PDB file of all heavy atoms in Angstrom:
ATOM      1  N   THR A   1     -24.865 -12.955  -3.861  1.00  0.00           N
ATOM      2  CA  THR A   1     -23.595 -12.199  -4.022  1.00  0.00           C
ATOM      3  C   THR A   1     -22.471 -13.055  -4.772  1.00  0.00           C
ATOM      4  O   THR A   1     -21.404 -12.523  -4.877  1.00  0.00           O
ATOM      5  CB  THR A   1     -23.078 -11.767  -2.680  1.00  0.00           C
ATOM      6  OG1 THR A   1     -22.843 -12.884  -1.814  1.00  0.00           O
ATOM      7  CG2 THR A   1     -24.065 -10.806  -1.995  1.00  0.00           C
ATOM      8  N   GLY A   2     -22.842 -14.204  -5.203  1.00  0.00           N
ATOM      9  CA  GLY A   2     -21.873 -15.068  -5.919  1.00  0.00           C
ATOM     10  C   GLY A   2     -20.819 -15.712  -5.085  1.00  0.00           C
ATOM     11  O   GLY A   2     -19.837 -16.166  -5.638  1.00  0.00           O
ATOM     12  N   LYS A   3     -21.038 -15.706  -3.754  1.00  0.00           N
ATOM     13  CA  LYS A   3     -20.056 -16.357  -2.917  1.00  0.00           C
ATOM     14  C   LYS A   3     -20.524 -17.789  -2.647  1.00  0.00           C
ATOM     15  O   LYS A   3     -20.931 -18.137  -1.520  1.00  0.00           O
ATOM     16  CB  LYS A   3     -19.942 -15.541  -1.527  1.00  0.00           C
ATOM     17  CG  LYS A   3     -18.827 -16.074  -0.683  1.00  0.00           C
ATOM     18  CD  LYS A   3     -18.573 -15.207   0.503  1.00  0.00           C
ATOM     19  CE  LYS A   3     -17.633 -15.787   1.498  1.00  0.00           C
ATOM     20  NZ  LYS A   3     -16.250 -16.043   0.900  1.00  0.00           N
ATOM     21  N   THR A   4     -20.239 -18.593  -3.556  1.00  0.00           N
ATOM     22  CA  THR A   4     -20.621 -19.963  -3.535  1.00  0.00           C
ATOM     23  C   THR A   4     -19.431 -20.955  -3.303  1.00  0.00           C
ATOM     24  O   THR A   4     -19.476 -22.100  -3.415  1.00  0.00           O
ATOM     25  CB  THR A   4     -21.406 -20.471  -4.793  1.00  0.00           C
ATOM     26  OG1 THR A   4     -20.641 -20.224  -5.894  1.00  0.00           O
ATOM     27  CG2 THR A   4     -22.727 -19.781  -4.777  1.00  0.00           C
ATOM     28  N   ASP A   5     -18.228 -20.271  -2.976  1.00  0.00           N
ATOM     29  CA  ASP A   5     -17.063 -21.080  -2.633  1.00  0.00           C
ATOM     30  C   ASP A   5     -16.955 -21.347  -1.175  1.00  0.00           C
ATOM     31  O   ASP A   5     -15.918 -21.926  -0.732  1.00  0.00           O
ATOM     32  CB  ASP A   5     -15.781 -20.381  -3.137  1.00  0.00           C
ATOM     33  CG  ASP A   5     -15.642 -18.921  -2.524  1.00  0.00           C
ATOM     34  OD1 ASP A   5     -16.562 -18.419  -1.988  1.00  0.00           O
ATOM     35  OD2 ASP A   5     -14.448 -18.466  -2.647  1.00  0.00           O
ATOM     36  N   VAL A   6     -17.901 -20.962  -0.346  1.00  0.00           N
ATOM     37  CA  VAL A   6     -17.897 -21.203   1.049  1.00  0.00           C
ATOM     38  C   VAL A   6     -17.959 -22.766   1.286  1.00  0.00           C
ATOM     39  O   VAL A   6     -18.786 -23.348   0.619  1.00  0.00           O
ATOM     40  CB  VAL A   6     -18.993 -20.427   1.795  1.00  0.00           C
ATOM     41  CG1 VAL A   6     -18.929 -20.760   3.321  1.00  0.00           C
ATOM     42  CG2 VAL A   6     -19.016 -18.976   1.525  1.00  0.00           C
ATOM     43  N   ARG A   7     -17.244 -23.244   2.216  1.00  0.00           N
ATOM     44  CA  ARG A   7     -17.273 -24.656   2.525  1.00  0.00           C
ATOM     45  C   ARG A   7     -18.450 -24.781   3.602  1.00  0.00           C
ATOM     46  O   ARG A   7     -18.356 -24.196   4.632  1.00  0.00           O
ATOM     47  CB  ARG A   7     -16.041 -25.200   3.131  1.00  0.00           C
ATOM     48  CG  ARG A   7     -16.019 -26.651   3.436  1.00  0.00           C
ATOM     49  CD  ARG A   7     -14.564 -27.088   3.799  1.00  0.00           C
ATOM     50  NE  ARG A   7     -14.539 -28.540   3.966  1.00  0.00           N
ATOM     51  CZ  ARG A   7     -14.414 -29.181   5.108  1.00  0.00           C
ATOM     52  NH1 ARG A   7     -14.208 -28.412   6.227  1.00  0.00           N
ATOM     53  NH2 ARG A   7     -14.354 -30.479   5.233  1.00  0.00           N
ATOM     54  N   LEU A   8     -19.441 -25.611   3.175  1.00  0.00           N
ATOM     55  CA  LEU A   8     -20.600 -25.710   4.051  1.00  0.00           C
ATOM     56  C   LEU A   8     -20.446 -27.028   4.745  1.00  0.00           C
ATOM     57  O   LEU A   8     -20.333 -28.178   4.208  1.00  0.00           O
ATOM     58  CB  LEU A   8     -21.902 -25.792   3.246  1.00  0.00           C
ATOM     59  CG  LEU A   8     -22.266 -24.613   2.331  1.00  0.00           C
ATOM     60  CD1 LEU A   8     -23.622 -24.827   1.678  1.00  0.00           C
ATOM     61  CD2 LEU A   8     -22.189 -23.273   3.044  1.00  0.00           C
ATOM     62  N   ARG A   9     -20.474 -26.999   6.114  1.00  0.00           N
ATOM     63  CA  ARG A   9     -20.448 -28.174   6.971  1.00  0.00           C
ATOM     64  C   ARG A   9     -21.642 -28.193   7.884  1.00  0.00           C
ATOM     65  O   ARG A   9     -22.011 -27.174   8.527  1.00  0.00           O
ATOM     66  CB  ARG A   9     -19.216 -28.184   7.850  1.00  0.00           C
ATOM     67  CG  ARG A   9     -17.910 -28.373   7.069  1.00  0.00           C
ATOM     68  CD  ARG A   9     -16.603 -28.378   8.044  1.00  0.00           C
ATOM     69  NE  ARG A   9     -16.851 -29.265   9.162  1.00  0.00           N
ATOM     70  CZ  ARG A   9     -16.715 -29.020  10.396  1.00  0.00           C
ATOM     71  NH1 ARG A   9     -16.518 -27.776  10.747  1.00  0.00           N
ATOM     72  NH2 ARG A   9     -16.923 -29.929  11.376  1.00  0.00           N
ATOM     73  N   TYR A  10     -22.232 -29.386   7.966  1.00  0.00           N
ATOM     74  CA  TYR A  10     -23.462 -29.599   8.713  1.00  0.00           C
ATOM     75  C   TYR A  10     -23.340 -30.688   9.754  1.00  0.00           C
ATOM     76  O   TYR A  10     -22.710 -31.732   9.486  1.00  0.00           O
ATOM     77  CB  TYR A  10     -24.725 -29.925   7.890  1.00  0.00           C
ATOM     78  CG  TYR A  10     -25.098 -28.887   6.842  1.00  0.00           C
ATOM     79  CD1 TYR A  10     -24.423 -28.696   5.584  1.00  0.00           C
ATOM     80  CD2 TYR A  10     -26.164 -28.029   7.194  1.00  0.00           C
ATOM     81  CE1 TYR A  10     -24.959 -27.718   4.720  1.00  0.00           C
ATOM     82  CE2 TYR A  10     -26.581 -27.082   6.318  1.00  0.00           C
ATOM     83  CZ  TYR A  10     -25.910 -26.901   5.104  1.00  0.00           C
ATOM     84  OH  TYR A  10     -26.399 -25.968   4.220  1.00  0.00           O
ATOM     85  N   THR A  11     -23.960 -30.482  10.916  1.00  0.00           N
ATOM     86  CA  THR A  11     -24.270 -31.577  11.765  1.00  0.00           C
ATOM     87  C   THR A  11     -25.812 -31.475  11.917  1.00  0.00           C
ATOM     88  O   THR A  11     -26.295 -30.485  12.400  1.00  0.00           O
ATOM     89  CB  THR A  11     -23.637 -31.490  13.195  1.00  0.00           C
ATOM     90  OG1 THR A  11     -22.210 -31.710  13.084  1.00  0.00           O
ATOM     91  CG2 THR A  11     -24.277 -32.422  14.103  1.00  0.00           C
ATOM     92  N   THR A  12     -26.491 -32.556  11.438  1.00  0.00           N
ATOM     93  CA  THR A  12     -27.927 -32.523  11.349  1.00  0.00           C
ATOM     94  C   THR A  12     -28.452 -33.859  11.812  1.00  0.00           C
ATOM     95  O   THR A  12     -27.750 -34.933  11.715  1.00  0.00           O
ATOM     96  CB  THR A  12     -28.318 -32.290   9.889  1.00  0.00           C
ATOM     97  OG1 THR A  12     -29.733 -32.540   9.710  1.00  0.00           O
ATOM     98  CG2 THR A  12     -27.601 -33.158   8.904  1.00  0.00           C
ATOM     99  N   ASN A  13     -29.681 -33.774  12.272  1.00  0.00           N
ATOM    100  CA  ASN A  13     -30.363 -35.136  12.675  1.00  0.00           C
ATOM    101  C   ASN A  13     -30.894 -35.794  11.358  1.00  0.00           C
ATOM    102  O   ASN A  13     -31.359 -36.896  11.527  1.00  0.00           O
ATOM    103  CB  ASN A  13     -31.451 -34.916  13.653  1.00  0.00           C
ATOM    104  CG  ASN A  13     -32.540 -33.925  13.266  1.00  0.00           C
ATOM    105  OD1 ASN A  13     -32.981 -33.909  12.074  1.00  0.00           O
ATOM    106  ND2 ASN A  13     -33.115 -33.241  14.133  1.00  0.00           N
ATOM    107  N   PHE A  14     -30.815 -35.070  10.248  1.00  0.00           N
ATOM    108  CA  PHE A  14     -31.086 -35.714   8.932  1.00  0.00           C
ATOM    109  C   PHE A  14     -32.514 -36.124   8.707  1.00  0.00           C
ATOM    110  O   PHE A  14     -32.774 -36.996   7.944  1.00  0.00           O
ATOM    111  CB  PHE A  14     -30.086 -36.914   8.663  1.00  0.00           C
ATOM    112  CG  PHE A  14     -29.881 -37.189   7.183  1.00  0.00           C
ATOM    113  CD1 PHE A  14     -29.343 -36.271   6.381  1.00  0.00           C
ATOM    114  CD2 PHE A  14     -30.082 -38.503   6.741  1.00  0.00           C
ATOM    115  CE1 PHE A  14     -29.137 -36.586   5.046  1.00  0.00           C
ATOM    116  CE2 PHE A  14     -29.907 -38.773   5.486  1.00  0.00           C
ATOM    117  CZ  PHE A  14     -29.459 -37.839   4.593  1.00  0.00           C
ATOM    118  N   SER A  15     -33.342 -35.478   9.451  1.00  0.00           N
ATOM    119  CA  SER A  15     -34.771 -35.839   9.360  1.00  0.00           C
ATOM    120  C   SER A  15     -35.557 -35.104   8.233  1.00  0.00           C
ATOM    121  O   SER A  15     -36.595 -35.612   7.850  1.00  0.00           O
ATOM    122  CB  SER A  15     -35.446 -35.662  10.744  1.00  0.00           C
ATOM    123  OG  SER A  15     -35.415 -34.324  11.098  1.00  0.00           O
ATOM    124  N   ASN A  16     -35.116 -33.914   8.010  1.00  0.00           N
ATOM    125  CA  ASN A  16     -35.829 -33.027   7.066  1.00  0.00           C
ATOM    126  C   ASN A  16     -34.901 -32.412   5.918  1.00  0.00           C
ATOM    127  O   ASN A  16     -33.986 -31.752   6.242  1.00  0.00           O
ATOM    128  CB  ASN A  16     -36.479 -31.874   7.824  1.00  0.00           C
ATOM    129  CG  ASN A  16     -37.572 -32.249   8.724  1.00  0.00           C
ATOM    130  OD1 ASN A  16     -38.708 -32.547   8.178  1.00  0.00           O
ATOM    131  ND2 ASN A  16     -37.287 -32.354   9.978  1.00  0.00           N
ATOM    132  N   LEU A  17     -35.253 -32.793   4.712  1.00  0.00           N
ATOM    133  CA  LEU A  17     -34.542 -32.141   3.545  1.00  0.00           C
ATOM    134  C   LEU A  17     -35.387 -30.963   3.000  1.00  0.00           C
ATOM    135  O   LEU A  17     -34.960 -30.373   2.095  1.00  0.00           O
ATOM    136  CB  LEU A  17     -34.249 -33.111   2.489  1.00  0.00           C
ATOM    137  CG  LEU A  17     -33.333 -34.326   2.944  1.00  0.00           C
ATOM    138  CD1 LEU A  17     -33.040 -35.216   1.815  1.00  0.00           C
ATOM    139  CD2 LEU A  17     -31.992 -33.845   3.541  1.00  0.00           C
ATOM    140  N   ARG A  18     -36.527 -30.769   3.609  1.00  0.00           N
ATOM    141  CA  ARG A  18     -37.477 -29.696   3.172  1.00  0.00           C
ATOM    142  C   ARG A  18     -37.960 -28.872   4.361  1.00  0.00           C
ATOM    143  O   ARG A  18     -38.175 -29.391   5.426  1.00  0.00           O
ATOM    144  CB  ARG A  18     -38.657 -30.235   2.376  1.00  0.00           C
ATOM    145  CG  ARG A  18     -38.201 -30.734   0.945  1.00  0.00           C
ATOM    146  CD  ARG A  18     -39.333 -31.632   0.380  1.00  0.00           C
ATOM    147  NE  ARG A  18     -38.790 -32.089  -0.972  1.00  0.00           N
ATOM    148  CZ  ARG A  18     -37.886 -33.106  -1.108  1.00  0.00           C
ATOM    149  NH1 ARG A  18     -37.586 -33.832   0.022  1.00  0.00           N
ATOM    150  NH2 ARG A  18     -37.536 -33.402  -2.300  1.00  0.00           N
ATOM    151  N   PHE A  19     -37.946 -27.567   4.141  1.00  0.00           N
ATOM    152  CA  PHE A  19     -38.401 -26.660   5.156  1.00  0.00           C
ATOM    153  C   PHE A  19     -39.224 -25.590   4.533  1.00  0.00           C
ATOM    154  O   PHE A  19     -38.791 -24.865   3.615  1.00  0.00           O
ATOM    155  CB  PHE A  19     -37.144 -26.021   5.865  1.00  0.00           C
ATOM    156  CG  PHE A  19     -37.498 -25.000   6.900  1.00  0.00           C
ATOM    157  CD1 PHE A  19     -38.221 -25.311   8.001  1.00  0.00           C
ATOM    158  CD2 PHE A  19     -37.144 -23.613   6.723  1.00  0.00           C
ATOM    159  CE1 PHE A  19     -38.464 -24.265   8.962  1.00  0.00           C
ATOM    160  CE2 PHE A  19     -37.353 -22.624   7.659  1.00  0.00           C
ATOM    161  CZ  PHE A  19     -38.068 -23.100   8.729  1.00  0.00           C
ATOM    162  N   LYS A  20     -40.517 -25.506   4.941  1.00  0.00           N
ATOM    163  CA  LYS A  20     -41.493 -24.569   4.361  1.00  0.00           C
ATOM    164  C   LYS A  20     -41.539 -24.917   2.865  1.00  0.00           C
ATOM    165  O   LYS A  20     -41.828 -26.040   2.448  1.00  0.00           O
ATOM    166  CB  LYS A  20     -41.113 -23.192   4.732  1.00  0.00           C
ATOM    167  CG  LYS A  20     -41.211 -22.847   6.236  1.00  0.00           C
ATOM    168  CD  LYS A  20     -40.890 -21.377   6.515  1.00  0.00           C
ATOM    169  CE  LYS A  20     -40.933 -21.172   8.071  1.00  0.00           C
ATOM    170  NZ  LYS A  20     -40.599 -19.756   8.446  1.00  0.00           N
ATOM    171  N   LYS A  21     -41.089 -23.950   2.014  1.00  0.00           N
ATOM    172  CA  LYS A  21     -41.241 -24.202   0.636  1.00  0.00           C
ATOM    173  C   LYS A  21     -39.924 -24.430   0.029  1.00  0.00           C
ATOM    174  O   LYS A  21     -39.654 -24.523  -1.242  1.00  0.00           O
ATOM    175  CB  LYS A  21     -41.986 -23.051  -0.088  1.00  0.00           C
ATOM    176  CG  LYS A  21     -43.397 -22.936   0.192  1.00  0.00           C
ATOM    177  CD  LYS A  21     -44.077 -21.818  -0.585  1.00  0.00           C
ATOM    178  CE  LYS A  21     -45.576 -21.637  -0.253  1.00  0.00           C
ATOM    179  NZ  LYS A  21     -46.186 -20.598  -1.057  1.00  0.00           N
ATOM    180  N   LYS A  22     -38.883 -24.547   0.920  1.00  0.00           N
ATOM    181  CA  LYS A  22     -37.507 -24.695   0.503  1.00  0.00           C
ATOM    182  C   LYS A  22     -37.110 -26.078   0.473  1.00  0.00           C
ATOM    183  O   LYS A  22     -37.439 -26.916   1.339  1.00  0.00           O
ATOM    184  CB  LYS A  22     -36.593 -23.863   1.328  1.00  0.00           C
ATOM    185  CG  LYS A  22     -37.009 -22.366   1.464  1.00  0.00           C
ATOM    186  CD  LYS A  22     -36.004 -21.567   2.390  1.00  0.00           C
ATOM    187  CE  LYS A  22     -36.606 -20.140   2.533  1.00  0.00           C
ATOM    188  NZ  LYS A  22     -36.301 -19.377   1.235  1.00  0.00           N
ATOM    189  N   SER A  23     -36.174 -26.446  -0.431  1.00  0.00           N
ATOM    190  CA  SER A  23     -35.561 -27.752  -0.468  1.00  0.00           C
ATOM    191  C   SER A  23     -33.983 -27.577  -0.348  1.00  0.00           C
ATOM    192  O   SER A  23     -33.422 -26.867  -1.166  1.00  0.00           O
ATOM    193  CB  SER A  23     -35.830 -28.505  -1.811  1.00  0.00           C
ATOM    194  OG  SER A  23     -34.957 -29.652  -1.959  1.00  0.00           O
ATOM    195  N   ILE A  24     -33.447 -28.205   0.718  1.00  0.00           N
ATOM    196  CA  ILE A  24     -31.973 -28.045   0.893  1.00  0.00           C
ATOM    197  C   ILE A  24     -31.223 -28.622  -0.255  1.00  0.00           C
ATOM    198  O   ILE A  24     -30.100 -28.238  -0.662  1.00  0.00           O
ATOM    199  CB  ILE A  24     -31.504 -28.596   2.258  1.00  0.00           C
ATOM    200  CG1 ILE A  24     -30.031 -28.135   2.503  1.00  0.00           C
ATOM    201  CG2 ILE A  24     -31.656 -30.115   2.298  1.00  0.00           C
ATOM    202  CD1 ILE A  24     -29.835 -26.693   2.563  1.00  0.00           C
ATOM    203  N   ILE A  25     -31.754 -29.636  -1.005  1.00  0.00           N
ATOM    204  CA  ILE A  25     -31.196 -30.253  -2.108  1.00  0.00           C
ATOM    205  C   ILE A  25     -30.997 -29.202  -3.227  1.00  0.00           C
ATOM    206  O   ILE A  25     -29.851 -29.181  -3.796  1.00  0.00           O
ATOM    207  CB  ILE A  25     -32.064 -31.411  -2.730  1.00  0.00           C
ATOM    208  CG1 ILE A  25     -32.193 -32.564  -1.639  1.00  0.00           C
ATOM    209  CG2 ILE A  25     -31.506 -31.917  -3.963  1.00  0.00           C
ATOM    210  CD1 ILE A  25     -30.972 -33.348  -1.358  1.00  0.00           C
ATOM    211  N   ASP A  26     -31.935 -28.315  -3.411  1.00  0.00           N
ATOM    212  CA  ASP A  26     -31.780 -27.268  -4.484  1.00  0.00           C
ATOM    213  C   ASP A  26     -30.689 -26.365  -4.055  1.00  0.00           C
ATOM    214  O   ASP A  26     -29.869 -25.909  -4.918  1.00  0.00           O
ATOM    215  CB  ASP A  26     -33.066 -26.481  -4.632  1.00  0.00           C
ATOM    216  CG  ASP A  26     -34.145 -27.412  -5.179  1.00  0.00           C
ATOM    217  OD1 ASP A  26     -33.839 -28.374  -5.859  1.00  0.00           O
ATOM    218  OD2 ASP A  26     -35.340 -27.052  -5.033  1.00  0.00           O
ATOM    219  N   TYR A  27     -30.510 -25.940  -2.842  1.00  0.00           N
ATOM    220  CA  TYR A  27     -29.452 -25.089  -2.374  1.00  0.00           C
ATOM    221  C   TYR A  27     -28.116 -25.703  -2.532  1.00  0.00           C
ATOM    222  O   TYR A  27     -27.151 -25.089  -3.022  1.00  0.00           O
ATOM    223  CB  TYR A  27     -29.669 -24.738  -0.863  1.00  0.00           C
ATOM    224  CG  TYR A  27     -30.677 -23.622  -0.625  1.00  0.00           C
ATOM    225  CD1 TYR A  27     -32.027 -23.920  -0.493  1.00  0.00           C
ATOM    226  CD2 TYR A  27     -30.236 -22.297  -0.454  1.00  0.00           C
ATOM    227  CE1 TYR A  27     -33.005 -22.953  -0.298  1.00  0.00           C
ATOM    228  CE2 TYR A  27     -31.184 -21.323  -0.220  1.00  0.00           C
ATOM    229  CZ  TYR A  27     -32.495 -21.530  -0.126  1.00  0.00           C
ATOM    230  OH  TYR A  27     -33.391 -20.509   0.056  1.00  0.00           O
ATOM    231  N   TRP A  28     -28.003 -27.012  -2.157  1.00  0.00           N
ATOM    232  CA  TRP A  28     -26.766 -27.698  -2.309  1.00  0.00           C
ATOM    233  C   TRP A  28     -26.146 -27.803  -3.670  1.00  0.00           C
ATOM    234  O   TRP A  28     -24.990 -27.993  -3.939  1.00  0.00           O
ATOM    235  CB  TRP A  28     -26.859 -29.074  -1.639  1.00  0.00           C
ATOM    236  CG  TRP A  28     -26.865 -29.050  -0.135  1.00  0.00           C
ATOM    237  CD1 TRP A  28     -26.561 -27.960   0.679  1.00  0.00           C
ATOM    238  CD2 TRP A  28     -27.343 -30.048   0.764  1.00  0.00           C
ATOM    239  NE1 TRP A  28     -26.780 -28.220   2.035  1.00  0.00           N
ATOM    240  CE2 TRP A  28     -27.213 -29.524   2.134  1.00  0.00           C
ATOM    241  CE3 TRP A  28     -27.730 -31.409   0.548  1.00  0.00           C
ATOM    242  CZ2 TRP A  28     -27.494 -30.231   3.292  1.00  0.00           C
ATOM    243  CZ3 TRP A  28     -28.081 -32.089   1.671  1.00  0.00           C
ATOM    244  CH2 TRP A  28     -27.980 -31.556   3.093  1.00  0.00           C
ATOM    245  N   LYS A  29     -27.099 -27.694  -4.635  1.00  0.00           N
ATOM    246  CA  LYS A  29     -26.628 -27.756  -6.075  1.00  0.00           C
ATOM    247  C   LYS A  29     -25.865 -26.614  -6.422  1.00  0.00           C
ATOM    248  O   LYS A  29     -25.061 -26.514  -7.372  1.00  0.00           O
ATOM    249  CB  LYS A  29     -27.858 -27.848  -6.983  1.00  0.00           C
ATOM    250  CG  LYS A  29     -28.608 -29.265  -6.921  1.00  0.00           C
ATOM    251  CD  LYS A  29     -29.843 -29.307  -7.705  1.00  0.00           C
ATOM    252  CE  LYS A  29     -30.579 -30.612  -7.556  1.00  0.00           C
ATOM    253  NZ  LYS A  29     -31.812 -30.635  -8.416  1.00  0.00           N
ATOM    254  N   SER A  30     -25.937 -25.430  -5.614  1.00  0.00           N
ATOM    255  CA  SER A  30     -25.232 -24.222  -5.982  1.00  0.00           C
ATOM    256  C   SER A  30     -23.867 -24.151  -5.334  1.00  0.00           C
ATOM    257  O   SER A  30     -23.046 -23.285  -5.675  1.00  0.00           O
ATOM    258  CB  SER A  30     -26.050 -23.034  -5.475  1.00  0.00           C
ATOM    259  OG  SER A  30     -27.328 -22.946  -6.128  1.00  0.00           O
ATOM    260  N   PHE A  31     -23.539 -24.976  -4.292  1.00  0.00           N
ATOM    261  CA  PHE A  31     -22.285 -25.017  -3.605  1.00  0.00           C
ATOM    262  C   PHE A  31     -21.497 -26.340  -3.956  1.00  0.00           C
ATOM    263  O   PHE A  31     -22.134 -27.328  -4.044  1.00  0.00           O
ATOM    264  CB  PHE A  31     -22.523 -24.875  -2.097  1.00  0.00           C
ATOM    265  CG  PHE A  31     -23.104 -23.588  -1.643  1.00  0.00           C
ATOM    266  CD1 PHE A  31     -24.568 -23.390  -1.679  1.00  0.00           C
ATOM    267  CD2 PHE A  31     -22.323 -22.558  -1.210  1.00  0.00           C
ATOM    268  CE1 PHE A  31     -25.006 -22.183  -1.337  1.00  0.00           C
ATOM    269  CE2 PHE A  31     -22.818 -21.379  -0.824  1.00  0.00           C
ATOM    270  CZ  PHE A  31     -24.308 -21.156  -0.934  1.00  0.00           C
ATOM    271  N   GLN A  32     -20.219 -26.168  -4.092  1.00  0.00           N
ATOM    272  CA  GLN A  32     -19.468 -27.338  -4.419  1.00  0.00           C
ATOM    273  C   GLN A  32     -18.760 -28.174  -3.327  1.00  0.00           C
ATOM    274  O   GLN A  32     -18.573 -29.283  -3.449  1.00  0.00           O
ATOM    275  CB  GLN A  32     -18.346 -26.839  -5.455  1.00  0.00           C
ATOM    276  CG  GLN A  32     -18.891 -26.420  -6.779  1.00  0.00           C
ATOM    277  CD  GLN A  32     -19.806 -27.470  -7.455  1.00  0.00           C
ATOM    278  OE1 GLN A  32     -19.469 -28.593  -7.675  1.00  0.00           O
ATOM    279  NE2 GLN A  32     -21.035 -26.957  -7.790  1.00  0.00           N
ATOM    280  N   ASP A  33     -18.491 -27.439  -2.212  1.00  0.00           N
ATOM    281  CA  ASP A  33     -17.696 -28.101  -1.111  1.00  0.00           C
ATOM    282  C   ASP A  33     -18.706 -28.135   0.082  1.00  0.00           C
ATOM    283  O   ASP A  33     -18.799 -27.226   0.868  1.00  0.00           O
ATOM    284  CB  ASP A  33     -16.565 -27.201  -0.775  1.00  0.00           C
ATOM    285  CG  ASP A  33     -15.616 -28.020   0.196  1.00  0.00           C
ATOM    286  OD1 ASP A  33     -15.960 -29.019   0.680  1.00  0.00           O
ATOM    287  OD2 ASP A  33     -14.488 -27.422   0.353  1.00  0.00           O
ATOM    288  N   ILE A  34     -19.305 -29.342   0.217  1.00  0.00           N
ATOM    289  CA  ILE A  34     -20.360 -29.546   1.292  1.00  0.00           C
ATOM    290  C   ILE A  34     -20.084 -30.904   2.030  1.00  0.00           C
ATOM    291  O   ILE A  34     -19.818 -31.787   1.374  1.00  0.00           O
ATOM    292  CB  ILE A  34     -21.723 -29.639   0.702  1.00  0.00           C
ATOM    293  CG1 ILE A  34     -21.987 -28.391  -0.230  1.00  0.00           C
ATOM    294  CG2 ILE A  34     -22.815 -29.738   1.725  1.00  0.00           C
ATOM    295  CD1 ILE A  34     -23.254 -28.506  -1.061  1.00  0.00           C
ATOM    296  N   GLN A  35     -20.188 -30.818   3.327  1.00  0.00           N
ATOM    297  CA  GLN A  35     -20.030 -31.990   4.155  1.00  0.00           C
ATOM    298  C   GLN A  35     -21.278 -32.069   4.989  1.00  0.00           C
ATOM    299  O   GLN A  35     -21.541 -31.202   5.836  1.00  0.00           O
ATOM    300  CB  GLN A  35     -18.737 -31.919   5.003  1.00  0.00           C
ATOM    301  CG  GLN A  35     -18.615 -33.118   5.959  1.00  0.00           C
ATOM    302  CD  GLN A  35     -17.378 -33.006   6.768  1.00  0.00           C
ATOM    303  OE1 GLN A  35     -16.205 -33.010   6.120  1.00  0.00           O
ATOM    304  NE2 GLN A  35     -17.444 -32.906   8.045  1.00  0.00           N
ATOM    305  N   VAL A  36     -21.864 -33.157   4.925  1.00  0.00           N
ATOM    306  CA  VAL A  36     -23.073 -33.370   5.842  1.00  0.00           C
ATOM    307  C   VAL A  36     -22.744 -34.541   6.775  1.00  0.00           C
ATOM    308  O   VAL A  36     -22.530 -35.594   6.389  1.00  0.00           O
ATOM    309  CB  VAL A  36     -24.367 -33.836   4.979  1.00  0.00           C
ATOM    310  CG1 VAL A  36     -25.517 -34.169   5.850  1.00  0.00           C
ATOM    311  CG2 VAL A  36     -24.735 -32.660   4.013  1.00  0.00           C
ATOM    312  N   SER A  37     -22.738 -34.139   8.010  1.00  0.00           N
ATOM    313  CA  SER A  37     -22.485 -35.105   9.143  1.00  0.00           C
ATOM    314  C   SER A  37     -23.821 -35.417   9.800  1.00  0.00           C
ATOM    315  O   SER A  37     -24.464 -34.604  10.455  1.00  0.00           O
ATOM    316  CB  SER A  37     -21.469 -34.549  10.167  1.00  0.00           C
ATOM    317  OG  SER A  37     -20.256 -34.161   9.533  1.00  0.00           O
ATOM    318  N   ALA A  38     -24.254 -36.676   9.588  1.00  0.00           N
ATOM    319  CA  ALA A  38     -25.567 -37.064  10.094  1.00  0.00           C
ATOM    320  C   ALA A  38     -25.347 -37.660  11.420  1.00  0.00           C
ATOM    321  O   ALA A  38     -24.659 -38.651  11.653  1.00  0.00           O
ATOM    322  CB  ALA A  38     -26.121 -38.032   9.114  1.00  0.00           C
ATOM    323  N   SER A  39     -26.126 -37.152  12.448  1.00  0.00           N
ATOM    324  CA  SER A  39     -26.096 -37.612  13.794  1.00  0.00           C
ATOM    325  C   SER A  39     -26.907 -38.767  13.916  1.00  0.00           C
ATOM    326  O   SER A  39     -28.078 -38.765  14.521  1.00  0.00           O
ATOM    327  CB  SER A  39     -26.432 -36.516  14.759  1.00  0.00           C
ATOM    328  OG  SER A  39     -25.638 -35.453  14.712  1.00  0.00           O
ATOM    329  N   LEU A  40     -26.530 -39.908  13.409  1.00  0.00           N
ATOM    330  CA  LEU A  40     -27.117 -41.183  13.451  1.00  0.00           C
ATOM    331  C   LEU A  40     -26.360 -42.136  14.292  1.00  0.00           C
ATOM    332  O   LEU A  40     -25.255 -42.523  13.823  1.00  0.00           O
ATOM    333  CB  LEU A  40     -27.392 -41.703  12.045  1.00  0.00           C
ATOM    334  CG  LEU A  40     -28.181 -40.750  11.044  1.00  0.00           C
ATOM    335  CD1 LEU A  40     -28.192 -41.254   9.730  1.00  0.00           C
ATOM    336  CD2 LEU A  40     -29.565 -40.429  11.635  1.00  0.00           C
ATOM    337  N   ASP A  41     -26.927 -42.560  15.445  1.00  0.00           N
ATOM    338  CA  ASP A  41     -26.183 -43.440  16.415  1.00  0.00           C
ATOM    339  C   ASP A  41     -26.550 -44.895  16.205  1.00  0.00           C
ATOM    340  O   ASP A  41     -25.669 -45.764  16.410  1.00  0.00           O
ATOM    341  CB  ASP A  41     -26.499 -42.999  17.857  1.00  0.00           C
ATOM    342  CG  ASP A  41     -26.278 -41.550  18.128  1.00  0.00           C
ATOM    343  OD1 ASP A  41     -25.349 -40.953  17.479  1.00  0.00           O
ATOM    344  OD2 ASP A  41     -27.017 -40.970  18.899  1.00  0.00           O
TER     345      ASP A  41
END
């Protein structure tokens, strides 16, 4: 729908950048405002 101005914020264990046949890296290339918070203690 062309709504790629949404601010994406994540809290993730940061273990997987791929899910099934999808790569989150490819998705993130379409959005400009992204924050990844890695739950690494």
